[in-house]
Amino acid sequence: MTPRTPPAAVVLAGGASRRMGRDKATLVFEGRTLVERVVDTVAGRCDPVFVVAAPGQALPAVPARVLRDEVRGLGPLLATARGLRAAADAGAEWAFVCAVDMPYLDGAFIDQLTGPAATTRAAVLLVWDGRDHYLAGLYRTSLADLADDLVAAGERSMRALVDAADTQRIVTEPQRALTNVNTPDDLPV
């Protein structure tokens, strides 16, 4: 059983990219920027699509609604809350939240999460190599208030949200779709 309607997508593109040394959203991989690749991928399974970007961050034109972080450098939790709220306002019950630095993300990966969503109260994450993958997970849009409350209490990490919510974790084998790029050495040649 899958959710009644497709999930929205929230692509987090406004990170500081300290280890990369430059904006990851505009890195070119196989002829397209990472934000273009990820938006195109999620648009095949999700509707509507939101990109949460930093204030003033330049992005190429993408078929998504671009939201701006109000404050730079507060981490993914605040950006996730903003995206979940926008998705809820658009009528979505669920949102696939992902980082912009996942060049191999594909629709089949999103499908792995939407199946269990109908039986989960708050979130569905894959666990690979003993790690929760927060920035490639499915979240109920109603978690926006909880995320805002956690930020107000000083939390910045996604771990705080999934630990406070009823989260289903699915253990998986390594998946290319979960590969992200954090440093120049992580970029495929």
N, C-alpha and C. Protein backbone atom coordinates (compact mmCIF):
# COMPACT_ATOMS: atom_id res chain seq x y z
N MET A 1 0.84 -1.18 0.00
CA MET A 1 0.00 0.00 0.00
C MET A 1 0.89 1.24 0.00
N THR A 2 0.59 2.21 -0.84
CA THR A 2 1.37 3.44 -0.93
C THR A 2 0.49 4.62 -0.57
N PRO A 3 1.09 5.78 -0.31
CA PRO A 3 0.26 6.96 0.00
C PRO A 3 -0.76 7.21 -1.11
N ARG A 4 -1.91 7.78 -0.74
CA ARG A 4 -3.00 8.02 -1.70
C ARG A 4 -2.60 8.96 -2.83
N THR A 5 -1.78 9.93 -2.53
CA THR A 5 -1.32 10.87 -3.55
C THR A 5 0.20 10.85 -3.55
N PRO A 6 0.82 11.29 -4.64
CA PRO A 6 2.28 11.29 -4.65
C PRO A 6 2.80 12.24 -3.57
N PRO A 7 3.95 11.91 -3.02
CA PRO A 7 4.54 12.85 -2.05
C PRO A 7 5.05 14.09 -2.77
N ALA A 8 5.15 15.16 -2.04
CA ALA A 8 5.88 16.33 -2.53
C ALA A 8 7.37 16.00 -2.43
N ALA A 9 8.20 16.85 -2.95
CA ALA A 9 9.65 16.71 -2.78
C ALA A 9 10.19 18.01 -2.23
N VAL A 10 11.15 17.86 -1.32
CA VAL A 10 11.86 19.00 -0.74
C VAL A 10 13.35 18.73 -0.96
N VAL A 11 13.96 19.49 -1.84
CA VAL A 11 15.38 19.34 -2.16
C VAL A 11 16.14 20.43 -1.39
N LEU A 12 17.01 20.01 -0.49
CA LEU A 12 17.78 20.94 0.32
C LEU A 12 19.06 21.31 -0.44
N ALA A 13 19.12 22.57 -0.87
CA ALA A 13 20.22 23.01 -1.74
C ALA A 13 21.05 24.13 -1.13
N GLY A 14 20.72 24.59 0.08
CA GLY A 14 21.35 25.79 0.61
C GLY A 14 22.48 25.57 1.59
N GLY A 15 23.06 24.37 1.63
CA GLY A 15 24.14 24.09 2.57
C GLY A 15 25.38 24.91 2.30
N ALA A 16 26.23 24.99 3.31
CA ALA A 16 27.44 25.81 3.22
C ALA A 16 28.51 25.22 2.30
N SER A 17 28.48 23.92 2.07
CA SER A 17 29.44 23.24 1.18
C SER A 17 30.89 23.52 1.58
N ARG A 18 31.16 23.54 2.87
CA ARG A 18 32.51 23.86 3.35
C ARG A 18 33.56 22.88 2.83
N ARG A 19 33.27 21.58 2.90
CA ARG A 19 34.26 20.59 2.48
C ARG A 19 34.45 20.60 0.96
N MET A 20 33.39 20.96 0.23
CA MET A 20 33.50 21.01 -1.23
C MET A 20 34.24 22.26 -1.67
N GLY A 21 34.09 23.33 -0.92
CA GLY A 21 34.77 24.57 -1.27
C GLY A 21 34.00 25.44 -2.25
N ARG A 22 32.83 24.99 -2.68
CA ARG A 22 31.97 25.77 -3.56
C ARG A 22 30.56 25.19 -3.49
N ASP A 23 29.61 25.93 -4.00
CA ASP A 23 28.21 25.54 -3.97
C ASP A 23 28.00 24.20 -4.68
N LYS A 24 27.46 23.22 -3.97
CA LYS A 24 27.24 21.91 -4.58
C LYS A 24 26.07 21.91 -5.56
N ALA A 25 25.07 22.73 -5.31
CA ALA A 25 23.89 22.73 -6.17
C ALA A 25 24.24 23.04 -7.62
N THR A 26 25.26 23.84 -7.83
CA THR A 26 25.61 24.24 -9.20
C THR A 26 26.81 23.48 -9.77
N LEU A 27 27.27 22.46 -9.06
CA LEU A 27 28.30 21.60 -9.63
C LEU A 27 27.74 20.88 -10.85
N VAL A 28 28.53 20.77 -11.88
CA VAL A 28 28.07 20.10 -13.10
C VAL A 28 28.54 18.66 -13.07
N PHE A 29 27.61 17.75 -13.31
CA PHE A 29 27.88 16.32 -13.38
C PHE A 29 27.15 15.79 -14.61
N GLU A 30 27.90 15.19 -15.52
CA GLU A 30 27.35 14.65 -16.77
C GLU A 30 26.48 15.67 -17.49
N GLY A 31 26.98 16.90 -17.56
CA GLY A 31 26.34 17.93 -18.38
C GLY A 31 25.23 18.74 -17.73
N ARG A 32 24.88 18.41 -16.48
CA ARG A 32 23.83 19.17 -15.80
C ARG A 32 24.25 19.45 -14.37
N THR A 33 23.72 20.51 -13.81
CA THR A 33 24.03 20.80 -12.41
C THR A 33 23.36 19.77 -11.51
N LEU A 34 23.90 19.63 -10.30
CA LEU A 34 23.30 18.68 -9.37
C LEU A 34 21.85 19.04 -9.05
N VAL A 35 21.55 20.32 -8.91
CA VAL A 35 20.16 20.69 -8.60
C VAL A 35 19.24 20.32 -9.77
N GLU A 36 19.69 20.50 -10.99
CA GLU A 36 18.86 20.10 -12.13
C GLU A 36 18.63 18.59 -12.14
N ARG A 37 19.69 17.83 -11.91
CA ARG A 37 19.59 16.36 -11.89
C ARG A 37 18.61 15.88 -10.83
N VAL A 38 18.79 16.39 -9.61
CA VAL A 38 17.95 15.92 -8.50
C VAL A 38 16.50 16.35 -8.71
N VAL A 39 16.28 17.59 -9.11
CA VAL A 39 14.90 18.04 -9.35
C VAL A 39 14.24 17.19 -10.44
N ASP A 40 14.94 16.93 -11.53
CA ASP A 40 14.38 16.09 -12.59
C ASP A 40 14.02 14.70 -12.07
N THR A 41 14.88 14.14 -11.24
CA THR A 41 14.63 12.80 -10.69
C THR A 41 13.41 12.79 -9.79
N VAL A 42 13.35 13.69 -8.82
CA VAL A 42 12.22 13.66 -7.89
C VAL A 42 10.91 14.03 -8.57
N ALA A 43 10.97 14.87 -9.60
CA ALA A 43 9.75 15.26 -10.31
C ALA A 43 9.06 14.07 -10.97
N GLY A 44 9.82 13.01 -11.24
CA GLY A 44 9.24 11.80 -11.81
C GLY A 44 8.37 11.03 -10.85
N ARG A 45 8.50 11.28 -9.55
CA ARG A 45 7.74 10.56 -8.53
C ARG A 45 6.98 11.47 -7.57
N CYS A 46 7.33 12.74 -7.55
CA CYS A 46 6.81 13.66 -6.54
C CYS A 46 6.16 14.88 -7.18
N ASP A 47 5.13 15.39 -6.51
CA ASP A 47 4.47 16.60 -6.99
C ASP A 47 3.74 17.25 -5.82
N PRO A 48 4.02 18.51 -5.55
CA PRO A 48 4.93 19.45 -6.19
C PRO A 48 6.37 19.25 -5.71
N VAL A 49 7.29 19.99 -6.33
CA VAL A 49 8.71 19.94 -5.97
C VAL A 49 9.13 21.32 -5.46
N PHE A 50 9.80 21.32 -4.31
CA PHE A 50 10.33 22.55 -3.71
C PHE A 50 11.84 22.41 -3.58
N VAL A 51 12.55 23.50 -3.82
CA VAL A 51 13.99 23.57 -3.58
C VAL A 51 14.19 24.63 -2.51
N VAL A 52 14.85 24.25 -1.42
CA VAL A 52 15.14 25.22 -0.36
C VAL A 52 16.59 25.65 -0.54
N ALA A 53 16.78 26.94 -0.83
CA ALA A 53 18.09 27.50 -1.14
C ALA A 53 18.47 28.55 -0.10
N ALA A 54 19.73 28.87 -0.05
CA ALA A 54 20.24 29.90 0.86
C ALA A 54 19.83 31.28 0.35
N PRO A 55 19.80 32.27 1.24
CA PRO A 55 19.50 33.63 0.78
C PRO A 55 20.52 34.06 -0.28
N GLY A 56 20.05 34.53 -1.41
CA GLY A 56 20.94 35.02 -2.46
C GLY A 56 21.64 33.97 -3.27
N GLN A 57 21.44 32.69 -2.99
CA GLN A 57 22.11 31.63 -3.72
C GLN A 57 21.62 31.59 -5.17
N ALA A 58 22.54 31.63 -6.10
CA ALA A 58 22.19 31.56 -7.53
C ALA A 58 21.91 30.12 -7.91
N LEU A 59 20.80 29.90 -8.59
CA LEU A 59 20.44 28.57 -9.07
C LEU A 59 20.02 28.67 -10.54
N PRO A 60 20.25 27.61 -11.30
CA PRO A 60 19.71 27.60 -12.66
C PRO A 60 18.19 27.47 -12.58
N ALA A 61 17.51 27.78 -13.66
CA ALA A 61 16.06 27.60 -13.70
C ALA A 61 15.74 26.11 -13.58
N VAL A 62 14.87 25.77 -12.65
CA VAL A 62 14.44 24.39 -12.46
C VAL A 62 12.92 24.37 -12.35
N PRO A 63 12.31 23.24 -12.74
CA PRO A 63 10.85 23.15 -12.63
C PRO A 63 10.42 22.83 -11.19
N ALA A 64 10.63 23.79 -10.33
CA ALA A 64 10.32 23.64 -8.91
C ALA A 64 10.06 25.02 -8.32
N ARG A 65 9.40 25.04 -7.20
CA ARG A 65 9.22 26.29 -6.47
C ARG A 65 10.44 26.46 -5.56
N VAL A 66 11.15 27.57 -5.71
CA VAL A 66 12.34 27.82 -4.90
C VAL A 66 11.94 28.62 -3.65
N LEU A 67 12.28 28.06 -2.50
CA LEU A 67 12.07 28.71 -1.21
C LEU A 67 13.43 29.16 -0.71
N ARG A 68 13.48 30.23 0.02
CA ARG A 68 14.76 30.73 0.55
C ARG A 68 14.80 30.59 2.06
N ASP A 69 15.93 30.04 2.56
CA ASP A 69 16.17 30.06 4.00
C ASP A 69 16.16 31.52 4.44
N GLU A 70 15.59 31.79 5.59
CA GLU A 70 15.59 33.16 6.09
C GLU A 70 16.94 33.52 6.70
N VAL A 71 17.61 32.53 7.27
CA VAL A 71 18.90 32.74 7.91
C VAL A 71 19.85 31.68 7.38
N ARG A 72 21.06 32.08 7.03
CA ARG A 72 22.07 31.15 6.52
C ARG A 72 22.75 30.42 7.68
N GLY A 73 23.09 29.15 7.46
CA GLY A 73 23.95 28.43 8.39
C GLY A 73 23.28 27.76 9.58
N LEU A 74 21.95 27.59 9.55
CA LEU A 74 21.28 26.95 10.68
C LEU A 74 21.07 25.46 10.48
N GLY A 75 21.54 24.91 9.38
CA GLY A 75 21.47 23.48 9.18
C GLY A 75 20.21 23.01 8.48
N PRO A 76 20.14 21.70 8.24
CA PRO A 76 19.05 21.15 7.43
C PRO A 76 17.70 21.09 8.13
N LEU A 77 17.67 21.11 9.45
CA LEU A 77 16.39 20.98 10.14
C LEU A 77 15.46 22.16 9.85
N LEU A 78 15.98 23.37 9.90
CA LEU A 78 15.17 24.55 9.62
C LEU A 78 14.70 24.54 8.16
N ALA A 79 15.59 24.20 7.25
CA ALA A 79 15.21 24.13 5.83
C ALA A 79 14.16 23.05 5.60
N THR A 80 14.29 21.93 6.29
CA THR A 80 13.31 20.85 6.17
C THR A 80 11.95 21.33 6.66
N ALA A 81 11.93 22.03 7.80
CA ALA A 81 10.66 22.54 8.33
C ALA A 81 10.00 23.46 7.31
N ARG A 82 10.77 24.32 6.70
CA ARG A 82 10.23 25.25 5.70
C ARG A 82 9.65 24.49 4.51
N GLY A 83 10.38 23.49 4.04
CA GLY A 83 9.90 22.70 2.91
C GLY A 83 8.66 21.88 3.26
N LEU A 84 8.64 21.28 4.45
CA LEU A 84 7.48 20.49 4.87
C LEU A 84 6.24 21.38 4.98
N ARG A 85 6.42 22.58 5.50
CA ARG A 85 5.29 23.50 5.64
C ARG A 85 4.74 23.88 4.25
N ALA A 86 5.64 24.18 3.31
CA ALA A 86 5.20 24.52 1.95
C ALA A 86 4.47 23.34 1.31
N ALA A 87 4.98 22.13 1.52
CA ALA A 87 4.35 20.93 0.96
C ALA A 87 2.96 20.73 1.58
N ALA A 88 2.84 20.93 2.89
CA ALA A 88 1.54 20.81 3.55
C ALA A 88 0.56 21.85 3.00
N ASP A 89 1.04 23.08 2.83
CA ASP A 89 0.19 24.14 2.28
C ASP A 89 -0.29 23.81 0.87
N ALA A 90 0.50 23.01 0.15
CA ALA A 90 0.14 22.60 -1.21
C ALA A 90 -0.77 21.36 -1.20
N GLY A 91 -1.09 20.85 -0.01
CA GLY A 91 -2.00 19.72 0.11
C GLY A 91 -1.34 18.36 0.19
N ALA A 92 -0.02 18.30 0.26
CA ALA A 92 0.68 17.01 0.34
C ALA A 92 0.70 16.49 1.77
N GLU A 93 0.47 15.20 1.92
CA GLU A 93 0.53 14.55 3.23
C GLU A 93 1.97 14.12 3.56
N TRP A 94 2.71 13.77 2.54
CA TRP A 94 4.09 13.30 2.67
C TRP A 94 5.00 14.14 1.80
N ALA A 95 6.28 14.17 2.17
CA ALA A 95 7.30 14.81 1.34
C ALA A 95 8.58 13.97 1.38
N PHE A 96 9.15 13.76 0.23
CA PHE A 96 10.47 13.15 0.12
C PHE A 96 11.47 14.27 0.29
N VAL A 97 12.28 14.20 1.33
CA VAL A 97 13.28 15.23 1.63
C VAL A 97 14.65 14.67 1.27
N CYS A 98 15.39 15.42 0.45
CA CYS A 98 16.71 14.93 0.06
C CYS A 98 17.69 16.08 -0.08
N ALA A 99 18.95 15.71 -0.03
CA ALA A 99 20.04 16.67 -0.25
C ALA A 99 20.25 16.82 -1.75
N VAL A 100 20.80 17.95 -2.13
CA VAL A 100 21.03 18.25 -3.54
C VAL A 100 22.26 17.51 -4.09
N ASP A 101 23.07 16.93 -3.22
CA ASP A 101 24.36 16.36 -3.65
C ASP A 101 24.31 14.86 -3.89
N MET A 102 23.21 14.38 -4.44
CA MET A 102 23.02 12.94 -4.69
C MET A 102 22.90 12.69 -6.19
N PRO A 103 24.01 12.62 -6.93
CA PRO A 103 23.94 12.52 -8.39
C PRO A 103 23.32 11.23 -8.91
N TYR A 104 23.25 10.19 -8.11
CA TYR A 104 22.74 8.91 -8.57
C TYR A 104 21.33 8.60 -8.06
N LEU A 105 20.70 9.56 -7.42
CA LEU A 105 19.34 9.37 -6.94
C LEU A 105 18.45 8.94 -8.11
N ASP A 106 17.54 7.99 -7.85
CA ASP A 106 16.63 7.56 -8.92
C ASP A 106 15.24 7.31 -8.35
N GLY A 107 14.29 7.18 -9.25
CA GLY A 107 12.90 7.00 -8.85
C GLY A 107 12.67 5.72 -8.07
N ALA A 108 13.38 4.66 -8.40
CA ALA A 108 13.21 3.39 -7.68
C ALA A 108 13.57 3.55 -6.21
N PHE A 109 14.53 4.41 -5.92
CA PHE A 109 14.89 4.66 -4.52
C PHE A 109 13.70 5.27 -3.77
N ILE A 110 13.06 6.26 -4.38
CA ILE A 110 11.90 6.90 -3.75
C ILE A 110 10.78 5.88 -3.54
N ASP A 111 10.59 4.98 -4.50
CA ASP A 111 9.57 3.95 -4.40
C ASP A 111 9.79 3.05 -3.18
N GLN A 112 11.04 2.79 -2.81
CA GLN A 112 11.33 1.96 -1.64
C GLN A 112 10.75 2.55 -0.36
N LEU A 113 10.65 3.86 -0.33
CA LEU A 113 10.17 4.55 0.86
C LEU A 113 8.66 4.74 0.86
N THR A 114 8.07 4.94 -0.31
CA THR A 114 6.63 5.24 -0.35
C THR A 114 5.77 4.03 -0.02
N GLY A 115 6.25 2.82 -0.29
CA GLY A 115 5.49 1.62 0.07
C GLY A 115 5.22 1.54 1.56
N PRO A 116 6.25 1.62 2.41
CA PRO A 116 6.03 1.55 3.85
C PRO A 116 5.33 2.78 4.44
N ALA A 117 5.24 3.87 3.69
CA ALA A 117 4.70 5.11 4.24
C ALA A 117 3.27 4.96 4.74
N ALA A 118 2.48 4.13 4.09
CA ALA A 118 1.08 4.01 4.48
C ALA A 118 0.92 3.41 5.88
N THR A 119 1.92 2.71 6.36
CA THR A 119 1.83 2.09 7.69
C THR A 119 2.65 2.82 8.74
N THR A 120 3.23 3.94 8.37
CA THR A 120 4.10 4.68 9.27
C THR A 120 3.42 5.97 9.68
N ARG A 121 3.62 6.35 10.92
CA ARG A 121 2.97 7.56 11.39
C ARG A 121 3.73 8.84 11.07
N ALA A 122 5.05 8.79 10.91
CA ALA A 122 5.77 10.06 10.77
C ALA A 122 6.86 10.08 9.71
N ALA A 123 7.72 9.07 9.64
CA ALA A 123 8.85 9.13 8.72
C ALA A 123 9.31 7.73 8.34
N VAL A 124 9.94 7.64 7.17
CA VAL A 124 10.53 6.39 6.70
C VAL A 124 11.94 6.72 6.24
N LEU A 125 12.93 6.02 6.81
CA LEU A 125 14.34 6.22 6.45
C LEU A 125 14.98 4.89 6.11
N LEU A 126 15.97 4.94 5.24
CA LEU A 126 16.80 3.77 5.02
C LEU A 126 18.02 3.86 5.92
N VAL A 127 18.44 2.70 6.40
CA VAL A 127 19.65 2.59 7.21
C VAL A 127 20.65 1.78 6.40
N TRP A 128 21.79 2.38 6.16
CA TRP A 128 22.83 1.73 5.37
C TRP A 128 24.12 1.89 6.15
N ASP A 129 24.85 0.81 6.32
CA ASP A 129 26.13 0.83 7.00
C ASP A 129 25.99 1.37 8.42
N GLY A 130 24.86 1.05 9.05
CA GLY A 130 24.63 1.46 10.43
C GLY A 130 24.22 2.92 10.60
N ARG A 131 24.00 3.64 9.50
CA ARG A 131 23.66 5.07 9.57
C ARG A 131 22.27 5.34 9.01
N ASP A 132 21.52 6.15 9.73
CA ASP A 132 20.26 6.65 9.20
C ASP A 132 20.58 7.66 8.10
N HIS A 133 19.84 7.60 7.02
CA HIS A 133 20.03 8.56 5.93
C HIS A 133 18.86 9.55 5.96
N TYR A 134 19.04 10.58 6.79
CA TYR A 134 17.99 11.57 7.03
C TYR A 134 17.67 12.39 5.79
N LEU A 135 18.66 12.66 5.00
CA LEU A 135 18.46 13.55 3.85
C LEU A 135 18.21 12.77 2.57
N ALA A 136 17.50 11.70 2.73
CA ALA A 136 16.94 10.92 1.62
C ALA A 136 15.82 10.09 2.24
N GLY A 137 14.86 10.79 2.86
CA GLY A 137 13.81 10.12 3.59
C GLY A 137 12.44 10.69 3.27
N LEU A 138 11.43 9.96 3.70
CA LEU A 138 10.05 10.35 3.49
C LEU A 138 9.48 10.81 4.84
N TYR A 139 8.91 12.01 4.86
CA TYR A 139 8.42 12.62 6.10
C TYR A 139 6.98 13.09 5.92
N ARG A 140 6.16 12.90 6.95
CA ARG A 140 4.83 13.51 6.94
C ARG A 140 5.01 15.02 7.01
N THR A 141 4.22 15.73 6.25
CA THR A 141 4.33 17.19 6.24
C THR A 141 3.90 17.79 7.58
N SER A 142 3.11 17.05 8.34
CA SER A 142 2.68 17.54 9.65
C SER A 142 3.84 17.65 10.64
N LEU A 143 5.01 17.14 10.29
CA LEU A 143 6.19 17.27 11.15
C LEU A 143 6.79 18.67 11.11
N ALA A 144 6.28 19.55 10.28
CA ALA A 144 6.83 20.91 10.18
C ALA A 144 6.80 21.62 11.53
N ASP A 145 5.71 21.50 12.27
CA ASP A 145 5.62 22.16 13.58
C ASP A 145 6.65 21.60 14.55
N LEU A 146 6.78 20.28 14.59
CA LEU A 146 7.77 19.66 15.48
C LEU A 146 9.18 20.13 15.10
N ALA A 147 9.48 20.17 13.82
CA ALA A 147 10.81 20.63 13.38
C ALA A 147 11.04 22.08 13.80
N ASP A 148 10.03 22.93 13.65
CA ASP A 148 10.16 24.33 14.09
C ASP A 148 10.40 24.41 15.60
N ASP A 149 9.68 23.60 16.37
CA ASP A 149 9.85 23.59 17.83
C ASP A 149 11.26 23.15 18.21
N LEU A 150 11.79 22.16 17.51
CA LEU A 150 13.15 21.68 17.79
C LEU A 150 14.18 22.77 17.47
N VAL A 151 13.99 23.47 16.36
CA VAL A 151 14.89 24.57 16.01
C VAL A 151 14.83 25.65 17.08
N ALA A 152 13.62 25.98 17.53
CA ALA A 152 13.46 27.00 18.57
C ALA A 152 14.15 26.59 19.87
N ALA A 153 14.24 25.27 20.09
CA ALA A 153 14.92 24.76 21.30
C ALA A 153 16.43 24.63 21.11
N GLY A 154 16.94 25.04 19.93
CA GLY A 154 18.38 25.02 19.69
C GLY A 154 18.88 23.83 18.90
N GLU A 155 18.01 22.95 18.47
CA GLU A 155 18.43 21.80 17.68
C GLU A 155 18.71 22.23 16.24
N ARG A 156 19.66 21.56 15.59
CA ARG A 156 19.98 21.85 14.19
C ARG A 156 20.01 20.60 13.33
N SER A 157 20.08 19.43 13.95
CA SER A 157 20.28 18.21 13.17
C SER A 157 18.96 17.49 12.90
N MET A 158 18.95 16.76 11.82
CA MET A 158 17.79 15.95 11.45
C MET A 158 17.60 14.80 12.44
N ARG A 159 18.66 14.38 13.08
CA ARG A 159 18.54 13.30 14.06
C ARG A 159 17.53 13.66 15.14
N ALA A 160 17.51 14.91 15.57
CA ALA A 160 16.56 15.35 16.60
C ALA A 160 15.13 15.12 16.13
N LEU A 161 14.85 15.40 14.87
CA LEU A 161 13.50 15.22 14.34
C LEU A 161 13.11 13.75 14.28
N VAL A 162 13.96 12.92 13.71
CA VAL A 162 13.58 11.51 13.58
C VAL A 162 13.55 10.80 14.93
N ASP A 163 14.37 11.26 15.88
CA ASP A 163 14.32 10.66 17.21
C ASP A 163 13.06 11.06 17.97
N ALA A 164 12.51 12.24 17.66
CA ALA A 164 11.30 12.72 18.33
C ALA A 164 10.02 12.23 17.64
N ALA A 165 10.14 11.70 16.45
CA ALA A 165 8.98 11.26 15.67
C ALA A 165 8.92 9.74 15.62
N ASP A 166 7.76 9.22 15.25
CA ASP A 166 7.59 7.79 15.04
C ASP A 166 8.19 7.45 13.68
N THR A 167 9.42 6.95 13.68
CA THR A 167 10.17 6.74 12.45
C THR A 167 10.35 5.26 12.17
N GLN A 168 10.05 4.86 10.97
CA GLN A 168 10.30 3.50 10.52
C GLN A 168 11.65 3.49 9.82
N ARG A 169 12.53 2.60 10.26
CA ARG A 169 13.85 2.47 9.66
C ARG A 169 13.92 1.15 8.91
N ILE A 170 14.38 1.21 7.67
CA ILE A 170 14.49 0.03 6.83
C ILE A 170 15.96 -0.20 6.56
N VAL A 171 16.48 -1.32 7.03
CA VAL A 171 17.90 -1.64 6.81
C VAL A 171 18.06 -2.10 5.36
N THR A 172 19.07 -1.57 4.70
CA THR A 172 19.29 -1.87 3.30
C THR A 172 20.77 -2.13 3.03
N GLU A 173 21.00 -2.76 1.93
CA GLU A 173 22.37 -2.95 1.45
C GLU A 173 22.84 -1.63 0.82
N PRO A 174 24.14 -1.48 0.61
CA PRO A 174 24.63 -0.26 -0.04
C PRO A 174 23.87 0.01 -1.35
N GLN A 175 23.54 1.27 -1.55
CA GLN A 175 22.83 1.66 -2.75
C GLN A 175 23.51 2.85 -3.38
N ARG A 176 23.72 2.76 -4.65
CA ARG A 176 24.36 3.86 -5.37
C ARG A 176 23.56 5.16 -5.23
N ALA A 177 22.24 5.05 -5.14
CA ALA A 177 21.38 6.23 -5.04
C ALA A 177 21.69 7.06 -3.80
N LEU A 178 22.23 6.44 -2.75
CA LEU A 178 22.55 7.17 -1.52
C LEU A 178 23.91 7.85 -1.55
N THR A 179 24.66 7.64 -2.61
CA THR A 179 25.98 8.26 -2.73
C THR A 179 25.83 9.77 -2.82
N ASN A 180 26.57 10.47 -1.97
CA ASN A 180 26.57 11.93 -2.08
C ASN A 180 27.99 12.42 -2.28
N VAL A 181 28.10 13.68 -2.67
CA VAL A 181 29.41 14.27 -2.92
C VAL A 181 29.64 15.37 -1.90
N ASN A 182 30.68 15.21 -1.11
CA ASN A 182 31.00 16.19 -0.07
C ASN A 182 32.30 16.93 -0.31
N THR A 183 33.20 16.30 -1.05
CA THR A 183 34.49 16.91 -1.33
C THR A 183 34.77 16.78 -2.83
N PRO A 184 35.72 17.54 -3.36
CA PRO A 184 36.06 17.37 -4.79
C PRO A 184 36.47 15.94 -5.14
N ASP A 185 37.08 15.21 -4.19
CA ASP A 185 37.48 13.83 -4.45
C ASP A 185 36.29 12.89 -4.60
N ASP A 186 35.11 13.29 -4.10
CA ASP A 186 33.91 12.44 -4.22
C ASP A 186 33.26 12.54 -5.58
N LEU A 187 33.66 13.54 -6.35
CA LEU A 187 33.05 13.71 -7.67
C LEU A 187 33.49 12.58 -8.60
N PRO A 188 32.54 11.96 -9.28
CA PRO A 188 32.93 10.92 -10.23
C PRO A 188 33.78 11.52 -11.34
N VAL A 189 34.72 10.73 -11.80
CA VAL A 189 35.62 11.20 -12.87
C VAL A 189 34.95 11.01 -14.21
